[in-house]
Amino acid sequence: VPLYGKGDNIRDWLYVTDHCVAIDLVIHKGEIGETYLIGGDAEKTNIDIAKLLADKLGKDQSLIESVEDRAGHDYRYAIDFSKIKNELGWQPSVSFEEGIDKTIEWYKNNEK
């Protein structure tokens, strides 16, 4: 499993159904011309995600291989979703832990 650099880049994770619900809410209740950021409030490093997935899949973490980072790679993607939360009442309903388990299960059941 290739992993850029040391894997210390940070990403905010959000379960797919939460993302879809937020988009639908913005389409139907948001103000035209406004921007609404959608976030999961679940920042994790790439190495932590890789290790978590290896553990949950019963794989050895030694399969994770550090590869040269790409030029200009963003260190952190951070989302302040307070506007959609305050103005439209949206927030994630699926925890990171529940979402990652559901995602793994989906991939196991849909290997094709």
Protein backbone atom coordinates (compact mmCIF):
# COMPACT_ATOMS: atom_id res chain seq x y z
CA VAL A 1 0.00 0.00 0.00
CA PRO A 2 1.82 3.15 -1.16
CA LEU A 3 1.63 6.10 1.21
CA TYR A 4 3.00 9.54 0.36
CA GLY A 5 5.88 10.68 2.57
CA LYS A 6 5.53 9.80 6.24
CA GLY A 7 1.74 9.75 5.96
CA ASP A 8 1.36 12.73 8.27
CA ASN A 9 -0.89 14.63 5.85
CA ILE A 10 -4.25 15.34 7.47
CA ARG A 11 -7.65 14.84 5.89
CA ASP A 12 -11.18 15.38 7.18
CA TRP A 13 -13.33 12.27 6.78
CA LEU A 14 -17.07 12.23 6.12
CA TYR A 15 -19.37 9.30 5.42
CA VAL A 16 -20.89 9.35 1.94
CA THR A 17 -24.55 9.50 3.00
CA ASP A 18 -23.85 12.50 5.23
CA HIS A 19 -22.25 14.22 2.25
CA CYS A 20 -25.26 13.44 0.02
CA VAL A 21 -27.73 14.67 2.65
CA ALA A 22 -25.76 17.93 2.99
CA ILE A 23 -25.70 18.50 -0.77
CA ASP A 24 -29.44 17.85 -1.00
CA LEU A 25 -30.06 20.27 1.88
CA VAL A 26 -28.00 23.00 0.19
CA ILE A 27 -29.87 22.49 -3.09
CA HIS A 28 -33.29 22.74 -1.43
CA LYS A 29 -32.72 25.10 1.50
CA GLY A 30 -29.51 27.01 0.78
CA GLU A 31 -29.46 30.52 -0.56
CA ILE A 32 -28.59 30.92 -4.23
CA GLY A 33 -25.08 32.32 -4.61
CA GLU A 34 -23.95 31.25 -1.14
CA THR A 35 -21.19 28.74 -0.44
CA TYR A 36 -21.62 26.02 2.16
CA LEU A 37 -18.65 23.91 3.21
CA ILE A 38 -19.35 20.31 4.20
CA GLY A 39 -17.04 18.65 6.71
CA GLY A 40 -16.93 15.59 8.87
CA ASP A 41 -15.26 16.95 11.98
CA ALA A 42 -13.03 13.86 11.80
CA GLU A 43 -9.48 14.89 10.96
CA LYS A 44 -7.05 11.96 10.74
CA THR A 45 -3.57 11.51 9.33
CA ASN A 46 -3.12 9.32 6.28
CA ILE A 47 -0.84 6.94 8.22
CA ASP A 48 -3.48 6.54 10.93
CA ILE A 49 -6.07 5.66 8.28
CA ALA A 50 -3.72 3.19 6.56
CA LYS A 51 -2.93 1.47 9.87
CA LEU A 52 -6.59 1.40 10.88
CA LEU A 53 -7.60 -0.18 7.57
CA ALA A 54 -4.82 -2.76 7.80
CA ASP A 55 -5.93 -3.68 11.32
CA LYS A 56 -9.62 -3.86 10.43
CA LEU A 57 -8.84 -6.03 7.39
CA GLY A 58 -6.52 -8.31 9.36
CA LYS A 59 -3.49 -7.29 7.29
CA ASP A 60 0.03 -6.64 8.48
CA GLN A 61 0.94 -2.96 8.74
CA SER A 62 4.26 -3.78 7.06
CA LEU A 63 2.29 -3.71 3.78
CA ILE A 64 2.22 0.09 4.11
CA GLU A 65 5.10 1.48 2.07
CA SER A 66 6.34 5.05 2.22
CA VAL A 67 6.77 6.56 -1.26
CA GLU A 68 8.11 9.94 -2.32
CA ASP A 69 5.61 12.69 -1.70
CA ARG A 70 4.35 14.52 -4.76
CA ALA A 71 5.44 18.12 -5.29
CA GLY A 72 3.08 20.70 -3.83
CA HIS A 73 1.07 18.10 -1.92
CA ASP A 74 -1.26 19.83 0.55
CA TYR A 75 -0.41 19.00 4.15
CA ARG A 76 -3.89 19.50 5.57
CA TYR A 77 -7.42 19.82 4.25
CA ALA A 78 -9.43 21.56 6.95
CA ILE A 79 -13.09 22.41 6.64
CA ASP A 80 -14.98 24.91 8.77
CA PHE A 81 -18.56 23.77 8.25
CA SER A 82 -20.05 26.09 10.87
CA LYS A 83 -22.05 28.00 8.23
CA ILE A 84 -24.05 24.98 7.05
CA LYS A 85 -24.45 23.89 10.66
CA ASN A 86 -25.64 27.29 11.89
CA GLU A 87 -27.72 28.38 8.90
CA LEU A 88 -29.17 25.07 7.68
CA GLY A 89 -28.92 22.91 10.79
CA TRP A 90 -26.76 20.21 9.16
CA GLN A 91 -24.05 18.24 10.86
CA PRO A 92 -22.67 14.73 10.31
CA SER A 93 -24.94 12.00 11.64
CA VAL A 94 -22.56 9.06 11.11
CA SER A 95 -19.46 8.91 13.32
CA PHE A 96 -16.09 8.28 11.72
CA GLU A 97 -15.91 4.86 13.36
CA GLU A 98 -19.35 3.79 12.14
CA GLY A 99 -18.69 5.22 8.67
CA ILE A 100 -15.37 3.45 8.19
CA ASP A 101 -16.91 0.15 9.28
CA LYS A 102 -19.84 0.61 6.86
CA THR A 103 -17.43 1.53 4.06
CA ILE A 104 -15.24 -1.53 4.64
CA GLU A 105 -18.33 -3.76 4.71
CA TRP A 106 -19.60 -2.25 1.46
CA TYR A 107 -16.28 -2.93 -0.30
CA LYS A 108 -16.19 -6.49 1.03
CA ASN A 109 -19.69 -7.08 -0.39
CA ASN A 110 -18.96 -5.35 -3.71
CA GLU A 111 -15.53 -6.63 -4.75
CA LYS A 112 -16.43 -6.50 -8.45
